[in-house]
Amino acid sequence: MGELDNDPSLGTFRTTRLAMEQGAHRLERGTTFFNANKELKHKNNWIFNWEIDTIKSVGHDYKKMSKSAVEWIKNKP
């Protein structure tokens, strides 16, 4: 997730009641999604091998996020 992806005015951003319950901006929604799934893991005793990462100094920019994602994947064991 982009550390600076906290401006809901960029790109298409859903503002329905249900969407806003997930968070006020994309960074918050990503964190909410991760935490909700981690909670489901505990509730159901499931395996949860997700990681969450925040890319510094990046906002709602698919090019920078894609570049960072490739580097992140390449450096995983």
Protein backbone atom coordinates (compact mmCIF):
# COMPACT_ATOMS: atom_id res chain seq x y z
CA MET A 1 0.00 0.00 0.00
CA GLY A 2 1.17 3.51 -0.69
CA GLU A 3 2.02 5.42 2.45
CA LEU A 4 0.53 8.57 0.91
CA ASP A 5 -2.53 6.94 -0.70
CA ASN A 6 -4.81 8.87 1.61
CA ASP A 7 -6.45 11.30 -0.80
CA PRO A 8 -9.91 10.04 -1.80
CA SER A 9 -10.20 12.72 -4.50
CA LEU A 10 -7.68 10.90 -6.72
CA GLY A 11 -9.03 8.39 -9.22
CA THR A 12 -12.35 6.66 -8.79
CA PHE A 13 -13.25 6.33 -5.12
CA ARG A 14 -16.47 4.76 -3.90
CA THR A 15 -18.29 6.70 -1.23
CA THR A 16 -21.28 4.47 -0.54
CA ARG A 17 -22.11 3.86 3.11
CA LEU A 18 -20.63 0.35 2.99
CA ALA A 19 -17.47 1.56 1.25
CA MET A 20 -16.96 4.36 3.75
CA GLU A 21 -17.30 1.89 6.64
CA GLN A 22 -14.15 0.24 5.25
CA GLY A 23 -12.17 3.47 5.52
CA ALA A 24 -11.96 7.10 4.56
CA HIS A 25 -9.20 6.52 1.99
CA ARG A 26 -7.41 3.66 0.20
CA LEU A 27 -4.63 3.23 2.75
CA GLU A 28 -7.18 2.89 5.53
CA ARG A 29 -9.29 0.48 3.45
CA GLY A 30 -6.29 -1.70 2.71
CA THR A 31 -5.43 -1.85 6.40
CA THR A 32 -9.05 -2.63 7.28
CA PHE A 33 -9.12 -5.46 4.70
CA PHE A 34 -5.90 -6.97 6.05
CA ASN A 35 -7.03 -6.76 9.68
CA ALA A 36 -10.48 -8.20 8.93
CA ASN A 37 -8.90 -11.22 7.28
CA LYS A 38 -6.44 -11.64 10.14
CA GLU A 39 -9.42 -11.65 12.51
CA LEU A 40 -11.14 -14.32 10.41
CA LYS A 41 -7.98 -16.39 10.73
CA HIS A 42 -8.18 -16.27 14.51
CA LYS A 43 -11.92 -16.88 14.56
CA ASN A 44 -11.71 -19.92 12.27
CA ASN A 45 -8.24 -21.20 13.19
CA TRP A 46 -7.13 -20.80 9.57
CA ILE A 47 -3.60 -20.43 8.26
CA PHE A 48 -2.86 -16.78 7.54
CA ASN A 49 0.41 -16.16 5.73
CA TRP A 50 -0.31 -12.68 4.41
CA GLU A 51 2.04 -9.78 4.91
CA ILE A 52 1.24 -6.10 4.76
CA ASP A 53 3.73 -3.58 3.47
CA THR A 54 3.59 0.17 3.06
CA ILE A 55 5.66 1.82 0.35
CA LYS A 56 7.16 5.07 1.61
CA SER A 57 6.52 8.33 -0.25
CA VAL A 58 4.03 6.76 -2.69
CA GLY A 59 0.44 7.86 -3.09
CA HIS A 60 -2.19 6.73 -5.61
CA ASP A 61 0.35 5.96 -8.35
CA TYR A 62 0.09 2.61 -10.12
CA LYS A 63 3.48 2.92 -11.82
CA LYS A 64 5.39 3.45 -8.56
CA MET A 65 3.34 0.76 -6.80
CA SER A 66 3.93 -1.74 -9.62
CA LYS A 67 7.67 -1.09 -9.56
CA SER A 68 7.75 -1.54 -5.78
CA ALA A 69 5.64 -4.71 -6.01
CA VAL A 70 8.05 -6.28 -8.50
CA GLU A 71 11.00 -5.52 -6.22
CA TRP A 72 9.11 -6.86 -3.20
CA ILE A 73 8.29 -10.13 -5.02
CA LYS A 74 11.85 -10.54 -6.34
CA ASN A 75 13.31 -10.20 -2.85
CA LYS A 76 11.05 -12.83 -1.23
CA PRO A 77 12.68 -16.18 -0.46
